[in-house]
Amino acid sequence: ANEYNKKGRWLLIGTTNIDAGTPVIWNMGQIA
């Protein structure tokens, strides 16, 4: 969270929503 909020560094993780058949990118810094 500190790296995201203080430095603007991004950590993005990809999963697949298999119901929709589409990729999803999660903003892990925002979640943290």
PDB file of all heavy atoms in Angstrom:
ATOM      1  N   ALA A   1       0.829  -1.213   0.000  1.00  0.00           N
ATOM      2  CA  ALA A   1       0.000   0.000   0.000  1.00  0.00           C
ATOM      3  C   ALA A   1       0.861   1.259   0.000  1.00  0.00           C
ATOM      4  O   ALA A   1       0.554   2.235  -0.705  1.00  0.00           O
ATOM      5  CB  ALA A   1      -0.928  -0.011   1.214  1.00  0.00           C
ATOM      6  N   ASN A   2       1.943   1.264   0.767  1.00  0.00           N
ATOM      7  CA  ASN A   2       2.820   2.434   0.830  1.00  0.00           C
ATOM      8  C   ASN A   2       3.463   2.716  -0.521  1.00  0.00           C
ATOM      9  O   ASN A   2       3.571   3.882  -0.940  1.00  0.00           O
ATOM     10  CB  ASN A   2       3.902   2.220   1.887  1.00  0.00           C
ATOM     11  CG  ASN A   2       3.356   2.285   3.303  1.00  0.00           C
ATOM     12  OD1 ASN A   2       2.268   2.816   3.544  1.00  0.00           O
ATOM     13  ND2 ASN A   2       4.098   1.736   4.256  1.00  0.00           N
ATOM     14  N   GLU A   3       3.903   1.678  -1.203  1.00  0.00           N
ATOM     15  CA  GLU A   3       4.535   1.862  -2.514  1.00  0.00           C
ATOM     16  C   GLU A   3       3.531   2.409  -3.524  1.00  0.00           C
ATOM     17  O   GLU A   3       3.880   3.230  -4.385  1.00  0.00           O
ATOM     18  CB  GLU A   3       5.113   0.526  -3.008  1.00  0.00           C
ATOM     19  CG  GLU A   3       6.277   0.000  -2.187  1.00  0.00           C
ATOM     20  CD  GLU A   3       7.464   0.947  -2.187  1.00  0.00           C
ATOM     21  OE1 GLU A   3       7.865   1.393  -3.278  1.00  0.00           O
ATOM     22  OE2 GLU A   3       7.981   1.246  -1.096  1.00  0.00           O
ATOM     23  N   TYR A   4       2.299   1.964  -3.414  1.00  0.00           N
ATOM     24  CA  TYR A   4       1.252   2.405  -4.335  1.00  0.00           C
ATOM     25  C   TYR A   4       0.863   3.856  -4.062  1.00  0.00           C
ATOM     26  O   TYR A   4       0.796   4.684  -4.984  1.00  0.00           O
ATOM     27  CB  TYR A   4       0.037   1.491  -4.183  1.00  0.00           C
ATOM     28  CG  TYR A   4      -1.160   1.882  -5.036  1.00  0.00           C
ATOM     29  CD1 TYR A   4      -1.126   1.764  -6.423  1.00  0.00           C
ATOM     30  CD2 TYR A   4      -2.337   2.349  -4.441  1.00  0.00           C
ATOM     31  CE1 TYR A   4      -2.224   2.112  -7.201  1.00  0.00           C
ATOM     32  CE2 TYR A   4      -3.443   2.692  -5.207  1.00  0.00           C
ATOM     33  CZ  TYR A   4      -3.381   2.566  -6.590  1.00  0.00           C
ATOM     34  OH  TYR A   4      -4.469   2.916  -7.352  1.00  0.00           O
ATOM     35  N   ASN A   5       0.627   4.182  -2.821  1.00  0.00           N
ATOM     36  CA  ASN A   5       0.109   5.512  -2.478  1.00  0.00           C
ATOM     37  C   ASN A   5       1.177   6.601  -2.447  1.00  0.00           C
ATOM     38  O   ASN A   5       0.915   7.751  -2.817  1.00  0.00           O
ATOM     39  CB  ASN A   5      -0.602   5.451  -1.120  1.00  0.00           C
ATOM     40  CG  ASN A   5      -1.879   4.636  -1.170  1.00  0.00           C
ATOM     41  OD1 ASN A   5      -2.723   4.851  -2.033  1.00  0.00           O
ATOM     42  ND2 ASN A   5      -2.020   3.681  -0.264  1.00  0.00           N
ATOM     43  N   LYS A   6       2.382   6.260  -2.014  1.00  0.00           N
ATOM     44  CA  LYS A   6       3.432   7.269  -1.861  1.00  0.00           C
ATOM     45  C   LYS A   6       4.296   7.432  -3.111  1.00  0.00           C
ATOM     46  O   LYS A   6       4.825   8.514  -3.368  1.00  0.00           O
ATOM     47  CB  LYS A   6       4.305   6.928  -0.660  1.00  0.00           C
ATOM     48  CG  LYS A   6       3.564   6.985   0.674  1.00  0.00           C
ATOM     49  CD  LYS A   6       4.476   6.633   1.843  1.00  0.00           C
ATOM     50  CE  LYS A   6       3.724   6.705   3.169  1.00  0.00           C
ATOM     51  NZ  LYS A   6       4.603   6.343   4.323  1.00  0.00           N
ATOM     52  N   LYS A   7       4.457   6.343  -3.865  1.00  0.00           N
ATOM     53  CA  LYS A   7       5.328   6.391  -5.044  1.00  0.00           C
ATOM     54  C   LYS A   7       4.584   6.196  -6.356  1.00  0.00           C
ATOM     55  O   LYS A   7       5.165   6.381  -7.428  1.00  0.00           O
ATOM     56  CB  LYS A   7       6.429   5.335  -4.932  1.00  0.00           C
ATOM     57  CG  LYS A   7       7.397   5.551  -3.775  1.00  0.00           C
ATOM     58  CD  LYS A   7       8.491   4.489  -3.820  1.00  0.00           C
ATOM     59  CE  LYS A   7       9.493   4.646  -2.694  1.00  0.00           C
ATOM     60  NZ  LYS A   7      10.541   3.581  -2.755  1.00  0.00           N
ATOM     61  N   GLY A   8       3.320   5.776  -6.289  1.00  0.00           N
ATOM     62  CA  GLY A   8       2.577   5.536  -7.517  1.00  0.00           C
ATOM     63  C   GLY A   8       3.036   4.315  -8.276  1.00  0.00           C
ATOM     64  O   GLY A   8       2.935   4.260  -9.502  1.00  0.00           O
ATOM     65  N   ARG A   9       3.524   3.317  -7.548  1.00  0.00           N
ATOM     66  CA  ARG A   9       3.967   2.075  -8.174  1.00  0.00           C
ATOM     67  C   ARG A   9       2.793   1.095  -8.234  1.00  0.00           C
ATOM     68  O   ARG A   9       2.022   0.968  -7.292  1.00  0.00           O
ATOM     69  CB  ARG A   9       5.146   1.461  -7.408  1.00  0.00           C
ATOM     70  CG  ARG A   9       6.378   2.370  -7.371  1.00  0.00           C
ATOM     71  CD  ARG A   9       7.503   1.728  -6.559  1.00  0.00           C
ATOM     72  NE  ARG A   9       7.899   0.463  -7.170  1.00  0.00           N
ATOM     73  CZ  ARG A   9       8.125  -0.653  -6.469  1.00  0.00           C
ATOM     74  NH1 ARG A   9       7.961  -0.668  -5.149  1.00  0.00           N
ATOM     75  NH2 ARG A   9       8.488  -1.753  -7.083  1.00  0.00           N
ATOM     76  N   TRP A  10       2.684   0.397  -9.358  1.00  0.00           N
ATOM     77  CA  TRP A  10       1.530  -0.462  -9.612  1.00  0.00           C
ATOM     78  C   TRP A  10       1.904  -1.938  -9.564  1.00  0.00           C
ATOM     79  O   TRP A  10       2.900  -2.362 -10.152  1.00  0.00           O
ATOM     80  CB  TRP A  10       0.940  -0.148 -10.991  1.00  0.00           C
ATOM     81  CG  TRP A  10       0.345   1.219 -11.103  1.00  0.00           C
ATOM     82  CD1 TRP A  10       1.007   2.410 -11.169  1.00  0.00           C
ATOM     83  CD2 TRP A  10      -1.045   1.538 -11.142  1.00  0.00           C
ATOM     84  NE1 TRP A  10       0.121   3.448 -11.258  1.00  0.00           N
ATOM     85  CE2 TRP A  10      -1.149   2.957 -11.249  1.00  0.00           C
ATOM     86  CE3 TRP A  10      -2.220   0.784 -11.129  1.00  0.00           C
ATOM     87  CZ2 TRP A  10      -2.377   3.610 -11.334  1.00  0.00           C
ATOM     88  CZ3 TRP A  10      -3.437   1.433 -11.212  1.00  0.00           C
ATOM     89  CH2 TRP A  10      -3.509   2.835 -11.309  1.00  0.00           C
ATOM     90  N   LEU A  11       1.066  -2.718  -8.880  1.00  0.00           N
ATOM     91  CA  LEU A  11       1.161  -4.178  -8.870  1.00  0.00           C
ATOM     92  C   LEU A  11      -0.162  -4.717  -9.397  1.00  0.00           C
ATOM     93  O   LEU A  11      -1.212  -4.537  -8.772  1.00  0.00           O
ATOM     94  CB  LEU A  11       1.422  -4.696  -7.450  1.00  0.00           C
ATOM     95  CG  LEU A  11       1.371  -6.223  -7.258  1.00  0.00           C
ATOM     96  CD1 LEU A  11       2.439  -6.913  -8.109  1.00  0.00           C
ATOM     97  CD2 LEU A  11       1.554  -6.587  -5.773  1.00  0.00           C
ATOM     98  N   LEU A  12      -0.134  -5.349 -10.571  1.00  0.00           N
ATOM     99  CA  LEU A  12      -1.337  -5.839 -11.233  1.00  0.00           C
ATOM    100  C   LEU A  12      -1.261  -7.351 -11.414  1.00  0.00           C
ATOM    101  O   LEU A  12      -0.238  -7.879 -11.867  1.00  0.00           O
ATOM    102  CB  LEU A  12      -1.508  -5.175 -12.599  1.00  0.00           C
ATOM    103  CG  LEU A  12      -1.577  -3.639 -12.622  1.00  0.00           C
ATOM    104  CD1 LEU A  12      -1.666  -3.143 -14.063  1.00  0.00           C
ATOM    105  CD2 LEU A  12      -2.757  -3.132 -11.800  1.00  0.00           C
ATOM    106  N   ILE A  13      -2.335  -8.039 -11.047  1.00  0.00           N
ATOM    107  CA  ILE A  13      -2.403  -9.495 -11.159  1.00  0.00           C
ATOM    108  C   ILE A  13      -3.574  -9.862 -12.064  1.00  0.00           C
ATOM    109  O   ILE A  13      -4.668  -9.310 -11.942  1.00  0.00           O
ATOM    110  CB  ILE A  13      -2.580 -10.155  -9.773  1.00  0.00           C
ATOM    111  CG1 ILE A  13      -1.385  -9.828  -8.869  1.00  0.00           C
ATOM    112  CG2 ILE A  13      -2.755 -11.678  -9.919  1.00  0.00           C
ATOM    113  CD1 ILE A  13      -0.045 -10.318  -9.370  1.00  0.00           C
ATOM    114  N   GLY A  14      -3.344 -10.825 -12.950  1.00  0.00           N
ATOM    115  CA  GLY A  14      -4.375 -11.242 -13.885  1.00  0.00           C
ATOM    116  C   GLY A  14      -5.013 -12.571 -13.514  1.00  0.00           C
ATOM    117  O   GLY A  14      -4.322 -13.526 -13.150  1.00  0.00           O
ATOM    118  N   THR A  15      -6.348 -12.617 -13.568  1.00  0.00           N
ATOM    119  CA  THR A  15      -7.097 -13.861 -13.439  1.00  0.00           C
ATOM    120  C   THR A  15      -8.049 -13.961 -14.624  1.00  0.00           C
ATOM    121  O   THR A  15      -8.160 -13.036 -15.430  1.00  0.00           O
ATOM    122  CB  THR A  15      -7.912 -13.908 -12.129  1.00  0.00           C
ATOM    123  OG1 THR A  15      -8.898 -12.855 -12.147  1.00  0.00           O
ATOM    124  CG2 THR A  15      -7.014 -13.741 -10.910  1.00  0.00           C
ATOM    125  N   THR A  16      -8.752 -15.082 -14.720  1.00  0.00           N
ATOM    126  CA  THR A  16      -9.755 -15.263 -15.764  1.00  0.00           C
ATOM    127  C   THR A  16     -11.118 -15.507 -15.132  1.00  0.00           C
ATOM    128  O   THR A  16     -11.280 -16.450 -14.344  1.00  0.00           O
ATOM    129  CB  THR A  16      -9.403 -16.456 -16.672  1.00  0.00           C
ATOM    130  OG1 THR A  16      -8.146 -16.213 -17.319  1.00  0.00           O
ATOM    131  CG2 THR A  16     -10.473 -16.652 -17.743  1.00  0.00           C
ATOM    132  N   ASN A  17     -12.081 -14.648 -15.433  1.00  0.00           N
ATOM    133  CA  ASN A  17     -13.472 -14.877 -15.041  1.00  0.00           C
ATOM    134  C   ASN A  17     -14.026 -15.899 -16.023  1.00  0.00           C
ATOM    135  O   ASN A  17     -14.357 -15.567 -17.159  1.00  0.00           O
ATOM    136  CB  ASN A  17     -14.260 -13.570 -15.097  1.00  0.00           C
ATOM    137  CG  ASN A  17     -15.738 -13.759 -14.778  1.00  0.00           C
ATOM    138  OD1 ASN A  17     -16.244 -14.884 -14.715  1.00  0.00           O
ATOM    139  ND2 ASN A  17     -16.436 -12.655 -14.582  1.00  0.00           N
ATOM    140  N   ILE A  18     -14.099 -17.131 -15.586  1.00  0.00           N
ATOM    141  CA  ILE A  18     -14.446 -18.195 -16.524  1.00  0.00           C
ATOM    142  C   ILE A  18     -15.934 -18.195 -16.858  1.00  0.00           C
ATOM    143  O   ILE A  18     -16.354 -18.753 -17.873  1.00  0.00           O
ATOM    144  CB  ILE A  18     -13.991 -19.565 -15.975  1.00  0.00           C
ATOM    145  CG1 ILE A  18     -13.792 -20.556 -17.121  1.00  0.00           C
ATOM    146  CG2 ILE A  18     -14.927 -20.090 -14.913  1.00  0.00           C
ATOM    147  CD1 ILE A  18     -13.036 -21.803 -16.751  1.00  0.00           C
ATOM    148  N   ASP A  19     -16.762 -17.559 -16.011  1.00  0.00           N
ATOM    149  CA  ASP A  19     -18.180 -17.391 -16.349  1.00  0.00           C
ATOM    150  C   ASP A  19     -18.320 -16.498 -17.581  1.00  0.00           C
ATOM    151  O   ASP A  19     -19.044 -16.815 -18.524  1.00  0.00           O
ATOM    152  CB  ASP A  19     -18.948 -16.754 -15.184  1.00  0.00           C
ATOM    153  CG  ASP A  19     -19.026 -17.649 -13.964  1.00  0.00           C
ATOM    154  OD1 ASP A  19     -19.239 -18.857 -14.139  1.00  0.00           O
ATOM    155  OD2 ASP A  19     -18.880 -17.139 -12.839  1.00  0.00           O
ATOM    156  N   ALA A  20     -17.634 -15.367 -17.539  1.00  0.00           N
ATOM    157  CA  ALA A  20     -17.718 -14.390 -18.634  1.00  0.00           C
ATOM    158  C   ALA A  20     -16.744 -14.700 -19.757  1.00  0.00           C
ATOM    159  O   ALA A  20     -16.880 -14.171 -20.868  1.00  0.00           O
ATOM    160  CB  ALA A  20     -17.458 -12.985 -18.095  1.00  0.00           C
ATOM    161  N   GLY A  21     -15.750 -15.547 -19.471  1.00  0.00           N
ATOM    162  CA  GLY A  21     -14.750 -15.868 -20.486  1.00  0.00           C
ATOM    163  C   GLY A  21     -13.849 -14.690 -20.802  1.00  0.00           C
ATOM    164  O   GLY A  21     -13.405 -14.534 -21.947  1.00  0.00           O
ATOM    165  N   THR A  22     -13.559 -13.867 -19.783  1.00  0.00           N
ATOM    166  CA  THR A  22     -12.778 -12.651 -20.012  1.00  0.00           C
ATOM    167  C   THR A  22     -11.663 -12.506 -18.980  1.00  0.00           C
ATOM    168  O   THR A  22     -11.781 -12.982 -17.844  1.00  0.00           O
ATOM    169  CB  THR A  22     -13.667 -11.398 -19.925  1.00  0.00           C
ATOM    170  OG1 THR A  22     -14.318 -11.359 -18.638  1.00  0.00           O
ATOM    171  CG2 THR A  22     -14.726 -11.416 -21.012  1.00  0.00           C
ATOM    172  N   PRO A  23     -10.574 -11.821 -19.360  1.00  0.00           N
ATOM    173  CA  PRO A  23      -9.505 -11.548 -18.401  1.00  0.00           C
ATOM    174  C   PRO A  23      -9.909 -10.429 -17.444  1.00  0.00           C
ATOM    175  O   PRO A  23     -10.666  -9.527 -17.805  1.00  0.00           O
ATOM    176  CB  PRO A  23      -8.343 -11.108 -19.303  1.00  0.00           C
ATOM    177  CG  PRO A  23      -9.008 -10.523 -20.510  1.00  0.00           C
ATOM    178  CD  PRO A  23     -10.267 -11.315 -20.716  1.00  0.00           C
ATOM    179  N   VAL A  24      -9.389 -10.509 -16.234  1.00  0.00           N
ATOM    180  CA  VAL A  24      -9.608  -9.477 -15.222  1.00  0.00           C
ATOM    181  C   VAL A  24      -8.256  -9.095 -14.644  1.00  0.00           C
ATOM    182  O   VAL A  24      -7.443  -9.962 -14.315  1.00  0.00           O
ATOM    183  CB  VAL A  24     -10.536  -9.972 -14.090  1.00  0.00           C
ATOM    184  CG1 VAL A  24     -10.688  -8.909 -13.007  1.00  0.00           C
ATOM    185  CG2 VAL A  24     -11.903 -10.358 -14.642  1.00  0.00           C
ATOM    186  N   ILE A  25      -8.000  -7.795 -14.537  1.00  0.00           N
ATOM    187  CA  ILE A  25      -6.765  -7.301 -13.927  1.00  0.00           C
ATOM    188  C   ILE A  25      -7.116  -6.653 -12.592  1.00  0.00           C
ATOM    189  O   ILE A  25      -7.988  -5.787 -12.521  1.00  0.00           O
ATOM    190  CB  ILE A  25      -6.053  -6.290 -14.841  1.00  0.00           C
ATOM    191  CG1 ILE A  25      -5.544  -6.985 -16.104  1.00  0.00           C
ATOM    192  CG2 ILE A  25      -4.895  -5.622 -14.114  1.00  0.00           C
ATOM    193  CD1 ILE A  25      -4.879  -6.059 -17.094  1.00  0.00           C
ATOM    194  N   TRP A  26      -6.436  -7.091 -11.542  1.00  0.00           N
ATOM    195  CA  TRP A  26      -6.696  -6.602 -10.194  1.00  0.00           C
ATOM    196  C   TRP A  26      -5.617  -5.608  -9.775  1.00  0.00           C
ATOM    197  O   TRP A  26      -4.420  -5.884  -9.917  1.00  0.00           O
ATOM    198  CB  TRP A  26      -6.731  -7.755  -9.204  1.00  0.00           C
ATOM    199  CG  TRP A  26      -7.774  -8.797  -9.485  1.00  0.00           C
ATOM    200  CD1 TRP A  26      -7.678  -9.837 -10.377  1.00  0.00           C
ATOM    201  CD2 TRP A  26      -9.067  -8.913  -8.874  1.00  0.00           C
ATOM    202  NE1 TRP A  26      -8.821 -10.589 -10.348  1.00  0.00           N
ATOM    203  CE2 TRP A  26      -9.700 -10.048  -9.433  1.00  0.00           C
ATOM    204  CE3 TRP A  26      -9.743  -8.180  -7.892  1.00  0.00           C
ATOM    205  CZ2 TRP A  26     -10.975 -10.464  -9.054  1.00  0.00           C
ATOM    206  CZ3 TRP A  26     -11.011  -8.600  -7.516  1.00  0.00           C
ATOM    207  CH2 TRP A  26     -11.619  -9.713  -8.085  1.00  0.00           C
ATOM    208  N   ASN A  27      -6.045  -4.487  -9.228  1.00  0.00           N
ATOM    209  CA  ASN A  27      -5.134  -3.466  -8.709  1.00  0.00           C
ATOM    210  C   ASN A  27      -4.800  -3.815  -7.265  1.00  0.00           C
ATOM    211  O   ASN A  27      -5.522  -3.457  -6.331  1.00  0.00           O
ATOM    212  CB  ASN A  27      -5.788  -2.088  -8.800  1.00  0.00           C
ATOM    213  CG  ASN A  27      -4.864  -0.960  -8.376  1.00  0.00           C
ATOM    214  OD1 ASN A  27      -3.849  -1.180  -7.719  1.00  0.00           O
ATOM    215  ND2 ASN A  27      -5.219   0.259  -8.734  1.00  0.00           N
ATOM    216  N   MET A  28      -3.689  -4.515  -7.079  1.00  0.00           N
ATOM    217  CA  MET A  28      -3.343  -5.041  -5.759  1.00  0.00           C
ATOM    218  C   MET A  28      -2.933  -3.939  -4.786  1.00  0.00           C
ATOM    219  O   MET A  28      -3.118  -4.066  -3.566  1.00  0.00           O
ATOM    220  CB  MET A  28      -2.230  -6.082  -5.892  1.00  0.00           C
ATOM    221  CG  MET A  28      -2.534  -7.198  -6.878  1.00  0.00           C
ATOM    222  SD  MET A  28      -4.020  -8.147  -6.474  1.00  0.00           S
ATOM    223  CE  MET A  28      -3.346  -9.320  -5.291  1.00  0.00           C
ATOM    224  N   GLY A  29      -2.380  -2.850  -5.302  1.00  0.00           N
ATOM    225  CA  GLY A  29      -2.026  -1.723  -4.448  1.00  0.00           C
ATOM    226  C   GLY A  29      -3.252  -1.083  -3.829  1.00  0.00           C
ATOM    227  O   GLY A  29      -3.259  -0.715  -2.646  1.00  0.00           O
ATOM    228  N   GLN A  30      -4.297  -0.959  -4.619  1.00  0.00           N
ATOM    229  CA  GLN A  30      -5.532  -0.375  -4.117  1.00  0.00           C
ATOM    230  C   GLN A  30      -6.193  -1.298  -3.096  1.00  0.00           C
ATOM    231  O   GLN A  30      -6.721  -0.847  -2.081  1.00  0.00           O
ATOM    232  CB  GLN A  30      -6.496  -0.097  -5.273  1.00  0.00           C
ATOM    233  CG  GLN A  30      -7.749   0.656  -4.852  1.00  0.00           C
ATOM    234  CD  GLN A  30      -8.529   1.167  -6.048  1.00  0.00           C
ATOM    235  OE1 GLN A  30      -7.978   1.336  -7.123  1.00  0.00           O
ATOM    236  NE2 GLN A  30      -9.808   1.408  -5.851  1.00  0.00           N
ATOM    237  N   ILE A  31      -6.168  -2.599  -3.368  1.00  0.00           N
ATOM    238  CA  ILE A  31      -6.720  -3.569  -2.419  1.00  0.00           C
ATOM    239  C   ILE A  31      -5.945  -3.529  -1.112  1.00  0.00           C
ATOM    240  O   ILE A  31      -6.523  -3.521  -0.019  1.00  0.00           O
ATOM    241  CB  ILE A  31      -6.690  -4.981  -3.030  1.00  0.00           C
ATOM    242  CG1 ILE A  31      -7.644  -5.064  -4.221  1.00  0.00           C
ATOM    243  CG2 ILE A  31      -7.041  -6.038  -1.985  1.00  0.00           C
ATOM    244  CD1 ILE A  31      -7.510  -6.320  -5.045  1.00  0.00           C
ATOM    245  N   ALA A  32      -4.614  -3.467  -1.207  1.00  0.00           N
ATOM    246  CA  ALA A  32      -3.775  -3.411  -0.007  1.00  0.00           C
ATOM    247  C   ALA A  32      -4.046  -2.156   0.802  1.00  0.00           C
ATOM    248  O   ALA A  32      -3.955  -2.159   2.032  1.00  0.00           O
ATOM    249  CB  ALA A  32      -2.299  -3.486  -0.398  1.00  0.00           C
TER     250      ALA A  32
END
